[in-house]
Amino acid sequence: DTLVNSISEGLPKEIELRQKQYAYYREKLLDFGKWKMES
């Protein structure tokens, strides 16, 4: 039950963290206006 349902330590939590990580890097990698200003 912990493995498949827990939002604090199981697979659902791991999936949530990876989705947030993907969204973070997607925003960073595709924000070309920001990169241009920083460079």
PDB file of all heavy atoms in Angstrom:
ATOM      1  N   ASP A   1       0.828  -1.197   0.000  1.00  0.00           N
ATOM      2  CA  ASP A   1       0.000   0.000   0.000  1.00  0.00           C
ATOM      3  C   ASP A   1       0.869   1.257   0.000  1.00  0.00           C
ATOM      4  O   ASP A   1       0.589   2.225  -0.716  1.00  0.00           O
ATOM      5  CB  ASP A   1      -0.920  -0.004   1.229  1.00  0.00           C
ATOM      6  CG  ASP A   1      -1.906   1.143   1.216  1.00  0.00           C
ATOM      7  OD1 ASP A   1      -2.787   1.154   0.345  1.00  0.00           O
ATOM      8  OD2 ASP A   1      -1.787   2.035   2.073  1.00  0.00           O
ATOM      9  N   THR A   2       1.929   1.241   0.790  1.00  0.00           N
ATOM     10  CA  THR A   2       2.844   2.377   0.813  1.00  0.00           C
ATOM     11  C   THR A   2       3.504   2.569  -0.542  1.00  0.00           C
ATOM     12  O   THR A   2       3.625   3.687  -1.047  1.00  0.00           O
ATOM     13  CB  THR A   2       3.923   2.175   1.892  1.00  0.00           C
ATOM     14  OG1 THR A   2       3.293   2.112   3.177  1.00  0.00           O
ATOM     15  CG2 THR A   2       4.932   3.313   1.884  1.00  0.00           C
ATOM     16  N   LEU A   3       3.914   1.460  -1.152  1.00  0.00           N
ATOM     17  CA  LEU A   3       4.613   1.523  -2.428  1.00  0.00           C
ATOM     18  C   LEU A   3       3.736   2.100  -3.528  1.00  0.00           C
ATOM     19  O   LEU A   3       4.188   2.923  -4.331  1.00  0.00           O
ATOM     20  CB  LEU A   3       5.095   0.123  -2.831  1.00  0.00           C
ATOM     21  CG  LEU A   3       5.880   0.021  -4.141  1.00  0.00           C
ATOM     22  CD1 LEU A   3       7.187   0.784  -4.042  1.00  0.00           C
ATOM     23  CD2 LEU A   3       6.132  -1.435  -4.497  1.00  0.00           C
ATOM     24  N   VAL A   4       2.466   1.695  -3.592  1.00  0.00           N
ATOM     25  CA  VAL A   4       1.620   2.076  -4.732  1.00  0.00           C
ATOM     26  C   VAL A   4       0.694   3.248  -4.460  1.00  0.00           C
ATOM     27  O   VAL A   4       0.143   3.832  -5.402  1.00  0.00           O
ATOM     28  CB  VAL A   4       0.776   0.873  -5.229  1.00  0.00           C
ATOM     29  CG1 VAL A   4       1.656  -0.294  -5.586  1.00  0.00           C
ATOM     30  CG2 VAL A   4      -0.264   0.441  -4.189  1.00  0.00           C
ATOM     31  N   ASN A   5       0.535   3.628  -3.187  1.00  0.00           N
ATOM     32  CA  ASN A   5      -0.432   4.688  -2.882  1.00  0.00           C
ATOM     33  C   ASN A   5       0.142   5.884  -2.142  1.00  0.00           C
ATOM     34  O   ASN A   5      -0.458   6.962  -2.167  1.00  0.00           O
ATOM     35  CB  ASN A   5      -1.592   4.128  -2.053  1.00  0.00           C
ATOM     36  CG  ASN A   5      -2.446   3.160  -2.852  1.00  0.00           C
ATOM     37  OD1 ASN A   5      -2.706   3.384  -4.030  1.00  0.00           O
ATOM     38  ND2 ASN A   5      -2.875   2.078  -2.220  1.00  0.00           N
ATOM     39  N   SER A   6       1.274   5.721  -1.464  1.00  0.00           N
ATOM     40  CA  SER A   6       1.780   6.809  -0.629  1.00  0.00           C
ATOM     41  C   SER A   6       2.251   7.988  -1.469  1.00  0.00           C
ATOM     42  O   SER A   6       3.033   7.829  -2.407  1.00  0.00           O
ATOM     43  CB  SER A   6       2.943   6.319   0.240  1.00  0.00           C
ATOM     44  OG  SER A   6       3.497   7.405   0.959  1.00  0.00           O
ATOM     45  N   ILE A   7       1.770   9.188  -1.118  1.00  0.00           N
ATOM     46  CA  ILE A   7       2.203  10.395  -1.815  1.00  0.00           C
ATOM     47  C   ILE A   7       3.407  11.026  -1.129  1.00  0.00           C
ATOM     48  O   ILE A   7       3.889  12.084  -1.539  1.00  0.00           O
ATOM     49  CB  ILE A   7       1.060  11.428  -1.893  1.00  0.00           C
ATOM     50  CG1 ILE A   7       0.586  11.834  -0.494  1.00  0.00           C
ATOM     51  CG2 ILE A   7      -0.084  10.911  -2.735  1.00  0.00           C
ATOM     52  CD1 ILE A   7      -0.399  12.970  -0.485  1.00  0.00           C
ATOM     53  N   SER A   8       3.916  10.369  -0.080  1.00  0.00           N
ATOM     54  CA  SER A   8       5.060  10.917   0.630  1.00  0.00           C
ATOM     55  C   SER A   8       6.322  10.080   0.479  1.00  0.00           C
ATOM     56  O   SER A   8       7.427  10.591   0.636  1.00  0.00           O
ATOM     57  CB  SER A   8       4.744  11.066   2.130  1.00  0.00           C
ATOM     58  OG  SER A   8       4.451   9.808   2.698  1.00  0.00           O
ATOM     59  N   GLU A   9       6.176   8.787   0.134  1.00  0.00           N
ATOM     60  CA  GLU A   9       7.376   7.957   0.053  1.00  0.00           C
ATOM     61  C   GLU A   9       7.305   6.852  -0.993  1.00  0.00           C
ATOM     62  O   GLU A   9       8.314   6.201  -1.275  1.00  0.00           O
ATOM     63  CB  GLU A   9       7.677   7.340   1.417  1.00  0.00           C
ATOM     64  CG  GLU A   9       6.525   6.537   2.012  1.00  0.00           C
ATOM     65  CD  GLU A   9       6.859   6.003   3.392  1.00  0.00           C
ATOM     66  OE1 GLU A   9       7.852   5.259   3.505  1.00  0.00           O
ATOM     67  OE2 GLU A   9       6.125   6.313   4.343  1.00  0.00           O
ATOM     68  N   GLY A  10       6.176   6.607  -1.608  1.00  0.00           N
ATOM     69  CA  GLY A  10       6.043   5.516  -2.571  1.00  0.00           C
ATOM     70  C   GLY A  10       6.300   5.946  -4.004  1.00  0.00           C
ATOM     71  O   GLY A  10       6.812   7.028  -4.281  1.00  0.00           O
ATOM     72  N   LEU A  11       5.929   5.077  -4.948  1.00  0.00           N
ATOM     73  CA  LEU A  11       6.096   5.377  -6.373  1.00  0.00           C
ATOM     74  C   LEU A  11       5.330   6.624  -6.810  1.00  0.00           C
ATOM     75  O   LEU A  11       5.839   7.385  -7.641  1.00  0.00           O
ATOM     76  CB  LEU A  11       5.674   4.162  -7.205  1.00  0.00           C
ATOM     77  CG  LEU A  11       6.684   3.012  -7.249  1.00  0.00           C
ATOM     78  CD1 LEU A  11       6.075   1.774  -7.890  1.00  0.00           C
ATOM     79  CD2 LEU A  11       7.940   3.434  -7.997  1.00  0.00           C
ATOM     80  N   PRO A  12       4.105   6.876  -6.316  1.00  0.00           N
ATOM     81  CA  PRO A  12       3.428   8.127  -6.709  1.00  0.00           C
ATOM     82  C   PRO A  12       4.253   9.366  -6.387  1.00  0.00           C
ATOM     83  O   PRO A  12       4.282  10.317  -7.173  1.00  0.00           O
ATOM     84  CB  PRO A  12       2.124   8.083  -5.890  1.00  0.00           C
ATOM     85  CG  PRO A  12       1.860   6.631  -5.692  1.00  0.00           C
ATOM     86  CD  PRO A  12       3.225   6.021  -5.499  1.00  0.00           C
ATOM     87  N   LYS A  13       4.931   9.363  -5.237  1.00  0.00           N
ATOM     88  CA  LYS A  13       5.780  10.500  -4.878  1.00  0.00           C
ATOM     89  C   LYS A  13       6.958  10.610  -5.834  1.00  0.00           C
ATOM     90  O   LYS A  13       7.318  11.710  -6.276  1.00  0.00           O
ATOM     91  CB  LYS A  13       6.278  10.340  -3.443  1.00  0.00           C
ATOM     92  CG  LYS A  13       7.183  11.469  -2.968  1.00  0.00           C
ATOM     93  CD  LYS A  13       6.453  12.798  -2.959  1.00  0.00           C
ATOM     94  CE  LYS A  13       7.308  13.900  -2.377  1.00  0.00           C
ATOM     95  NZ  LYS A  13       6.598  15.208  -2.354  1.00  0.00           N
ATOM     96  N   GLU A  14       7.562   9.471  -6.170  1.00  0.00           N
ATOM     97  CA  GLU A  14       8.697   9.470  -7.091  1.00  0.00           C
ATOM     98  C   GLU A  14       8.283   9.992  -8.463  1.00  0.00           C
ATOM     99  O   GLU A  14       8.995  10.778  -9.096  1.00  0.00           O
ATOM    100  CB  GLU A  14       9.256   8.050  -7.208  1.00  0.00           C
ATOM    101  CG  GLU A  14      10.504   7.929  -8.064  1.00  0.00           C
ATOM    102  CD  GLU A  14      11.740   8.543  -7.435  1.00  0.00           C
ATOM    103  OE1 GLU A  14      11.717   8.824  -6.224  1.00  0.00           O
ATOM    104  OE2 GLU A  14      12.722   8.746  -8.155  1.00  0.00           O
ATOM    105  N   ILE A  15       7.110   9.578  -8.922  1.00  0.00           N
ATOM    106  CA  ILE A  15       6.609  10.043 -10.219  1.00  0.00           C
ATOM    107  C   ILE A  15       6.346  11.543 -10.178  1.00  0.00           C
ATOM    108  O   ILE A  15       6.691  12.279 -11.118  1.00  0.00           O
ATOM    109  CB  ILE A  15       5.332   9.274 -10.607  1.00  0.00           C
ATOM    110  CG1 ILE A  15       5.686   7.811 -10.925  1.00  0.00           C
ATOM    111  CG2 ILE A  15       4.628   9.921 -11.805  1.00  0.00           C
ATOM    112  CD1 ILE A  15       4.472   6.913 -11.095  1.00  0.00           C
ATOM    113  N   GLU A  16       5.753  12.012  -9.080  1.00  0.00           N
ATOM    114  CA  GLU A  16       5.482  13.448  -8.933  1.00  0.00           C
ATOM    115  C   GLU A  16       6.779  14.255  -8.985  1.00  0.00           C
ATOM    116  O   GLU A  16       6.846  15.301  -9.646  1.00  0.00           O
ATOM    117  CB  GLU A  16       4.760  13.707  -7.610  1.00  0.00           C
ATOM    118  CG  GLU A  16       4.452  15.176  -7.366  1.00  0.00           C
ATOM    119  CD  GLU A  16       3.961  15.457  -5.957  1.00  0.00           C
ATOM    120  OE1 GLU A  16       4.012  14.538  -5.112  1.00  0.00           O
ATOM    121  OE2 GLU A  16       3.542  16.588  -5.698  1.00  0.00           O
ATOM    122  N   LEU A  17       7.827  13.775  -8.313  1.00  0.00           N
ATOM    123  CA  LEU A  17       9.113  14.474  -8.313  1.00  0.00           C
ATOM    124  C   LEU A  17       9.718  14.525  -9.710  1.00  0.00           C
ATOM    125  O   LEU A  17      10.267  15.552 -10.118  1.00  0.00           O
ATOM    126  CB  LEU A  17      10.084  13.799  -7.341  1.00  0.00           C
ATOM    127  CG  LEU A  17       9.766  13.932  -5.855  1.00  0.00           C
ATOM    128  CD1 LEU A  17      10.709  13.075  -5.031  1.00  0.00           C
ATOM    129  CD2 LEU A  17       9.837  15.388  -5.415  1.00  0.00           C
ATOM    130  N   ARG A  18       9.622  13.417 -10.445  1.00  0.00           N
ATOM    131  CA  ARG A  18      10.182  13.384 -11.803  1.00  0.00           C
ATOM    132  C   ARG A  18       9.403  14.303 -12.737  1.00  0.00           C
ATOM    133  O   ARG A  18       9.969  14.939 -13.631  1.00  0.00           O
ATOM    134  CB  ARG A  18      10.185  11.951 -12.341  1.00  0.00           C
ATOM    135  CG  ARG A  18      11.101  11.019 -11.581  1.00  0.00           C
ATOM    136  CD  ARG A  18      12.574  11.444 -11.690  1.00  0.00           C
ATOM    137  NE  ARG A  18      13.389  10.838 -10.637  1.00  0.00           N
ATOM    138  CZ  ARG A  18      13.875  11.474  -9.602  1.00  0.00           C
ATOM    139  NH1 ARG A  18      13.643  12.754  -9.449  1.00  0.00           N
ATOM    140  NH2 ARG A  18      14.604  10.855  -8.699  1.00  0.00           N
ATOM    141  N   GLN A  19       8.089  14.393 -12.557  1.00  0.00           N
ATOM    142  CA  GLN A  19       7.281  15.292 -13.382  1.00  0.00           C
ATOM    143  C   GLN A  19       7.642  16.747 -13.111  1.00  0.00           C
ATOM    144  O   GLN A  19       7.713  17.564 -14.038  1.00  0.00           O
ATOM    145  CB  GLN A  19       5.795  15.049 -13.109  1.00  0.00           C
ATOM    146  CG  GLN A  19       5.290  13.729 -13.674  1.00  0.00           C
ATOM    147  CD  GLN A  19       3.875  13.400 -13.238  1.00  0.00           C
ATOM    148  OE1 GLN A  19       3.422  13.829 -12.171  1.00  0.00           O
ATOM    149  NE2 GLN A  19       3.175  12.631 -14.045  1.00  0.00           N
ATOM    150  N   LYS A  20       7.882  17.079 -11.842  1.00  0.00           N
ATOM    151  CA  LYS A  20       8.297  18.438 -11.494  1.00  0.00           C
ATOM    152  C   LYS A  20       9.672  18.747 -12.062  1.00  0.00           C
ATOM    153  O   LYS A  20       9.945  19.858 -12.526  1.00  0.00           O
ATOM    154  CB  LYS A  20       8.292  18.613  -9.974  1.00  0.00           C
ATOM    155  CG  LYS A  20       6.902  18.688  -9.363  1.00  0.00           C
ATOM    156  CD  LYS A  20       6.972  18.887  -7.856  1.00  0.00           C
ATOM    157  CE  LYS A  20       5.574  19.014  -7.253  1.00  0.00           C
ATOM    158  NZ  LYS A  20       5.616  19.183  -5.779  1.00  0.00           N
ATOM    159  N   GLN A  21      10.556  17.732 -12.015  1.00  0.00           N
ATOM    160  CA  GLN A  21      11.893  17.906 -12.559  1.00  0.00           C
ATOM    161  C   GLN A  21      11.831  18.151 -14.068  1.00  0.00           C
ATOM    162  O   GLN A  21      12.516  19.032 -14.599  1.00  0.00           O
ATOM    163  CB  GLN A  21      12.716  16.646 -12.253  1.00  0.00           C
ATOM    164  CG  GLN A  21      14.215  16.830 -12.400  1.00  0.00           C
ATOM    165  CD  GLN A  21      14.966  15.600 -11.938  1.00  0.00           C
ATOM    166  OE1 GLN A  21      14.452  14.480 -12.027  1.00  0.00           O
ATOM    167  NE2 GLN A  21      16.163  15.780 -11.430  1.00  0.00           N
ATOM    168  N   TYR A  22      10.987  17.376 -14.749  1.00  0.00           N
ATOM    169  CA  TYR A  22      10.804  17.555 -16.192  1.00  0.00           C
ATOM    170  C   TYR A  22      10.289  18.959 -16.493  1.00  0.00           C
ATOM    171  O   TYR A  22      10.803  19.647 -17.385  1.00  0.00           O
ATOM    172  CB  TYR A  22       9.824  16.518 -16.743  1.00  0.00           C
ATOM    173  CG  TYR A  22       9.276  16.856 -18.120  1.00  0.00           C
ATOM    174  CD1 TYR A  22      10.078  16.762 -19.254  1.00  0.00           C
ATOM    175  CD2 TYR A  22       7.955  17.281 -18.269  1.00  0.00           C
ATOM    176  CE1 TYR A  22       9.576  17.081 -20.499  1.00  0.00           C
ATOM    177  CE2 TYR A  22       7.448  17.604 -19.515  1.00  0.00           C
ATOM    178  CZ  TYR A  22       8.262  17.502 -20.629  1.00  0.00           C
ATOM    179  OH  TYR A  22       7.768  17.828 -21.867  1.00  0.00           O
ATOM    180  N   ALA A  23       9.263  19.422 -15.751  1.00  0.00           N
ATOM    181  CA  ALA A  23       8.683  20.745 -15.983  1.00  0.00           C
ATOM    182  C   ALA A  23       9.726  21.846 -15.739  1.00  0.00           C
ATOM    183  O   ALA A  23       9.782  22.835 -16.490  1.00  0.00           O
ATOM    184  CB  ALA A  23       7.470  20.951 -15.075  1.00  0.00           C
ATOM    185  N   TYR A  24      10.553  21.658 -14.712  1.00  0.00           N
ATOM    186  CA  TYR A  24      11.589  22.649 -14.404  1.00  0.00           C
ATOM    187  C   TYR A  24      12.580  22.776 -15.551  1.00  0.00           C
ATOM    188  O   TYR A  24      12.876  23.886 -16.025  1.00  0.00           O
ATOM    189  CB  TYR A  24      12.312  22.252 -13.112  1.00  0.00           C
ATOM    190  CG  TYR A  24      13.523  23.106 -12.797  1.00  0.00           C
ATOM    191  CD1 TYR A  24      13.371  24.338 -12.175  1.00  0.00           C
ATOM    192  CD2 TYR A  24      14.800  22.676 -13.132  1.00  0.00           C
ATOM    193  CE1 TYR A  24      14.483  25.136 -11.887  1.00  0.00           C
ATOM    194  CE2 TYR A  24      15.918  23.461 -12.851  1.00  0.00           C
ATOM    195  CZ  TYR A  24      15.758  24.682 -12.241  1.00  0.00           C
ATOM    196  OH  TYR A  24      16.861  25.457 -11.960  1.00  0.00           O
ATOM    197  N   TYR A  25      13.117  21.632 -16.013  1.00  0.00           N
ATOM    198  CA  TYR A  25      14.114  21.677 -17.078  1.00  0.00           C
ATOM    199  C   TYR A  25      13.500  22.072 -18.419  1.00  0.00           C
ATOM    200  O   TYR A  25      14.156  22.708 -19.249  1.00  0.00           O
ATOM    201  CB  TYR A  25      14.839  20.334 -17.180  1.00  0.00           C
ATOM    202  CG  TYR A  25      15.909  20.198 -16.129  1.00  0.00           C
ATOM    203  CD1 TYR A  25      15.707  19.438 -14.991  1.00  0.00           C
ATOM    204  CD2 TYR A  25      17.124  20.868 -16.259  1.00  0.00           C
ATOM    205  CE1 TYR A  25      16.670  19.335 -14.008  1.00  0.00           C
ATOM    206  CE2 TYR A  25      18.100  20.773 -15.287  1.00  0.00           C
ATOM    207  CZ  TYR A  25      17.872  19.998 -14.160  1.00  0.00           C
ATOM    208  OH  TYR A  25      18.838  19.911 -13.187  1.00  0.00           O
ATOM    209  N   ARG A  26      12.233  21.709 -18.640  1.00  0.00           N
ATOM    210  CA  ARG A  26      11.567  22.138 -19.874  1.00  0.00           C
ATOM    211  C   ARG A  26      11.490  23.661 -19.923  1.00  0.00           C
ATOM    212  O   ARG A  26      11.788  24.289 -20.939  1.00  0.00           O
ATOM    213  CB  ARG A  26      10.167  21.535 -19.955  1.00  0.00           C
ATOM    214  CG  ARG A  26       9.449  21.845 -21.277  1.00  0.00           C
ATOM    215  CD  ARG A  26       7.994  21.419 -21.231  1.00  0.00           C
ATOM    216  NE  ARG A  26       7.262  22.204 -20.259  1.00  0.00           N
ATOM    217  CZ  ARG A  26       6.431  21.693 -19.354  1.00  0.00           C
ATOM    218  NH1 ARG A  26       6.240  20.398 -19.275  1.00  0.00           N
ATOM    219  NH2 ARG A  26       5.802  22.493 -18.508  1.00  0.00           N
ATOM    220  N   GLU A  27      11.103  24.251 -18.793  1.00  0.00           N
ATOM    221  CA  GLU A  27      10.997  25.711 -18.742  1.00  0.00           C
ATOM    222  C   GLU A  27      12.360  26.365 -18.938  1.00  0.00           C
ATOM    223  O   GLU A  27      12.486  27.353 -19.679  1.00  0.00           O
ATOM    224  CB  GLU A  27      10.401  26.136 -17.395  1.00  0.00           C
ATOM    225  CG  GLU A  27      10.193  27.629 -17.265  1.00  0.00           C
ATOM    226  CD  GLU A  27       9.572  28.023 -15.938  1.00  0.00           C
ATOM    227  OE1 GLU A  27       9.088  27.116 -15.218  1.00  0.00           O
ATOM    228  OE2 GLU A  27       9.596  29.219 -15.613  1.00  0.00           O
ATOM    229  N   LYS A  28      13.388  25.806 -18.311  1.00  0.00           N
ATOM    230  CA  LYS A  28      14.725  26.375 -18.430  1.00  0.00           C
ATOM    231  C   LYS A  28      15.272  26.251 -19.849  1.00  0.00           C
ATOM    232  O   LYS A  28      15.832  27.196 -20.420  1.00  0.00           O
ATOM    233  CB  LYS A  28      15.684  25.673 -17.459  1.00  0.00           C
ATOM    234  CG  LYS A  28      15.450  26.006 -15.994  1.00  0.00           C
ATOM    235  CD  LYS A  28      15.837  27.437 -15.694  1.00  0.00           C
ATOM    236  CE  LYS A  28      15.704  27.741 -14.207  1.00  0.00           C
ATOM    237  NZ  LYS A  28      16.010  29.160 -13.914  1.00  0.00           N
ATOM    238  N   LEU A  29      15.112  25.074 -20.443  1.00  0.00           N
ATOM    239  CA  LEU A  29      15.694  24.802 -21.753  1.00  0.00           C
ATOM    240  C   LEU A  29      14.959  25.513 -22.889  1.00  0.00           C
ATOM    241  O   LEU A  29      15.548  25.772 -23.950  1.00  0.00           O
ATOM    242  CB  LEU A  29      15.706  23.295 -22.023  1.00  0.00           C
ATOM    243  CG  LEU A  29      16.685  22.476 -21.185  1.00  0.00           C
ATOM    244  CD1 LEU A  29      16.408  20.993 -21.342  1.00  0.00           C
ATOM    245  CD2 LEU A  29      18.127  22.797 -21.586  1.00  0.00           C
ATOM    246  N   LEU A  30      13.684  25.811 -22.668  1.00  0.00           N
ATOM    247  CA  LEU A  30      12.892  26.399 -23.759  1.00  0.00           C
ATOM    248  C   LEU A  30      12.632  27.889 -23.565  1.00  0.00           C
ATOM    249  O   LEU A  30      11.941  28.502 -24.369  1.00  0.00           O
ATOM    250  CB  LEU A  30      11.561  25.647 -23.895  1.00  0.00           C
ATOM    251  CG  LEU A  30      11.712  24.176 -24.294  1.00  0.00           C
ATOM    252  CD1 LEU A  30      10.363  23.468 -24.273  1.00  0.00           C
ATOM    253  CD2 LEU A  30      12.352  24.040 -25.659  1.00  0.00           C
ATOM    254  N   ASP A  31      13.189  28.471 -22.520  1.00  0.00           N
ATOM    255  CA  ASP A  31      13.031  29.905 -22.299  1.00  0.00           C
ATOM    256  C   ASP A  31      14.187  30.637 -22.979  1.00  0.00           C
ATOM    257  O   ASP A  31      15.090  31.149 -22.332  1.00  0.00           O
ATOM    258  CB  ASP A  31      12.994  30.200 -20.798  1.00  0.00           C
ATOM    259  CG  ASP A  31      12.632  31.651 -20.512  1.00  0.00           C
ATOM    260  OD1 ASP A  31      12.406  32.405 -21.481  1.00  0.00           O
ATOM    261  OD2 ASP A  31      12.577  32.020 -19.341  1.00  0.00           O
ATOM    262  N   PHE A  32      14.144  30.673 -24.307  1.00  0.00           N
ATOM    263  CA  PHE A  32      15.274  31.215 -25.060  1.00  0.00           C
ATOM    264  C   PHE A  32      15.454  32.710 -24.837  1.00  0.00           C
ATOM    265  O   PHE A  32      16.566  33.226 -24.880  1.00  0.00           O
ATOM    266  CB  PHE A  32      15.102  30.917 -26.557  1.00  0.00           C
ATOM    267  CG  PHE A  32      15.173  29.458 -26.865  1.00  0.00           C
ATOM    268  CD1 PHE A  32      14.022  28.733 -27.082  1.00  0.00           C
ATOM    269  CD2 PHE A  32      16.391  28.802 -26.903  1.00  0.00           C
ATOM    270  CE1 PHE A  32      14.082  27.375 -27.349  1.00  0.00           C
ATOM    271  CE2 PHE A  32      16.467  27.453 -27.175  1.00  0.00           C
ATOM    272  CZ  PHE A  32      15.302  26.729 -27.388  1.00  0.00           C
ATOM    273  N   GLY A  33      14.358  33.418 -24.583  1.00  0.00           N
ATOM    274  CA  GLY A  33      14.473  34.837 -24.300  1.00  0.00           C
ATOM    275  C   GLY A  33      15.301  35.071 -23.055  1.00  0.00           C
ATOM    276  O   GLY A  33      16.141  35.951 -23.004  1.00  0.00           O
ATOM    277  N   LYS A  34      15.062  34.217 -22.038  1.00  0.00           N
ATOM    278  CA  LYS A  34      15.800  34.358 -20.785  1.00  0.00           C
ATOM    279  C   LYS A  34      17.278  34.053 -20.984  1.00  0.00           C
ATOM    280  O   LYS A  34      18.156  34.755 -20.491  1.00  0.00           O
ATOM    281  CB  LYS A  34      15.207  33.443 -19.718  1.00  0.00           C
ATOM    282  CG  LYS A  34      15.843  33.599 -18.344  1.00  0.00           C
ATOM    283  CD  LYS A  34      15.157  32.705 -17.324  1.00  0.00           C
ATOM    284  CE  LYS A  34      15.807  32.859 -15.965  1.00  0.00           C
ATOM    285  NZ  LYS A  34      15.180  31.972 -14.957  1.00  0.00           N
ATOM    286  N   TRP A  35      17.565  32.983 -21.726  1.00  0.00           N
ATOM    287  CA  TRP A  35      18.959  32.616 -21.975  1.00  0.00           C
ATOM    288  C   TRP A  35      19.689  33.733 -22.716  1.00  0.00           C
ATOM    289  O   TRP A  35      20.832  34.052 -22.458  1.00  0.00           O
ATOM    290  CB  TRP A  35      19.042  31.315 -22.782  1.00  0.00           C
ATOM    291  CG  TRP A  35      18.840  30.106 -21.960  1.00  0.00           C
ATOM    292  CD1 TRP A  35      17.775  29.268 -21.978  1.00  0.00           C
ATOM    293  CD2 TRP A  35      19.725  29.584 -20.968  1.00  0.00           C
ATOM    294  NE1 TRP A  35      17.932  28.264 -21.059  1.00  0.00           N
ATOM    295  CE2 TRP A  35      19.119  28.422 -20.426  1.00  0.00           C
ATOM    296  CE3 TRP A  35      20.975  29.975 -20.476  1.00  0.00           C
ATOM    297  CZ2 TRP A  35      19.719  27.674 -19.428  1.00  0.00           C
ATOM    298  CZ3 TRP A  35      21.574  29.216 -19.491  1.00  0.00           C
ATOM    299  CH2 TRP A  35      20.934  28.091 -18.984  1.00  0.00           C
ATOM    300  N   LYS A  36      18.978  34.337 -23.663  1.00  0.00           N
ATOM    301  CA  LYS A  36      19.594  35.395 -24.460  1.00  0.00           C
ATOM    302  C   LYS A  36      19.955  36.582 -23.574  1.00  0.00           C
ATOM    303  O   LYS A  36      21.014  37.180 -23.684  1.00  0.00           O
ATOM    304  CB  LYS A  36      18.640  35.826 -25.568  1.00  0.00           C
ATOM    305  CG  LYS A  36      19.254  36.859 -26.524  1.00  0.00           C
ATOM    306  CD  LYS A  36      18.295  37.158 -27.662  1.00  0.00           C
ATOM    307  CE  LYS A  36      18.889  38.163 -28.623  1.00  0.00           C
ATOM    308  NZ  LYS A  36      17.971  38.491 -29.742  1.00  0.00           N
ATOM    309  N   MET A  37      19.036  36.941 -22.656  1.00  0.00           N
ATOM    310  CA  MET A  37      19.284  38.074 -21.768  1.00  0.00           C
ATOM    311  C   MET A  37      20.445  37.783 -20.827  1.00  0.00           C
ATOM    312  O   MET A  37      21.274  38.637 -20.564  1.00  0.00           O
ATOM    313  CB  MET A  37      18.012  38.378 -20.965  1.00  0.00           C
ATOM    314  CG  MET A  37      16.920  39.045 -21.795  1.00  0.00           C
ATOM    315  SD  MET A  37      15.531  39.583 -20.776  1.00  0.00           S
ATOM    316  CE  MET A  37      14.825  38.013 -20.302  1.00  0.00           C
ATOM    317  N   GLU A  38      20.493  36.517 -20.329  1.00  0.00           N
ATOM    318  CA  GLU A  38      21.544  36.157 -19.378  1.00  0.00           C
ATOM    319  C   GLU A  38      22.912  36.107 -20.048  1.00  0.00           C
ATOM    320  O   GLU A  38      23.931  36.361 -19.432  1.00  0.00           O
ATOM    321  CB  GLU A  38      21.225  34.823 -18.729  1.00  0.00           C
ATOM    322  CG  GLU A  38      20.049  34.892 -17.758  1.00  0.00           C
ATOM    323  CD  GLU A  38      19.751  33.565 -17.103  1.00  0.00           C
ATOM    324  OE1 GLU A  38      20.369  32.560 -17.556  1.00  0.00           O
ATOM    325  OE2 GLU A  38      18.946  33.522 -16.160  1.00  0.00           O
ATOM    326  N   SER A  39      22.944  35.744 -21.341  1.00  0.00           N
ATOM    327  CA  SER A  39      24.218  35.633 -22.041  1.00  0.00           C
ATOM    328  C   SER A  39      24.745  37.009 -22.456  1.00  0.00           C
ATOM    329  O   SER A  39      25.899  37.152 -22.770  1.00  0.00           O
ATOM    330  CB  SER A  39      24.067  34.737 -23.268  1.00  0.00           C
ATOM    331  OG  SER A  39      23.140  35.291 -24.191  1.00  0.00           O
TER     332      SER A  39
END
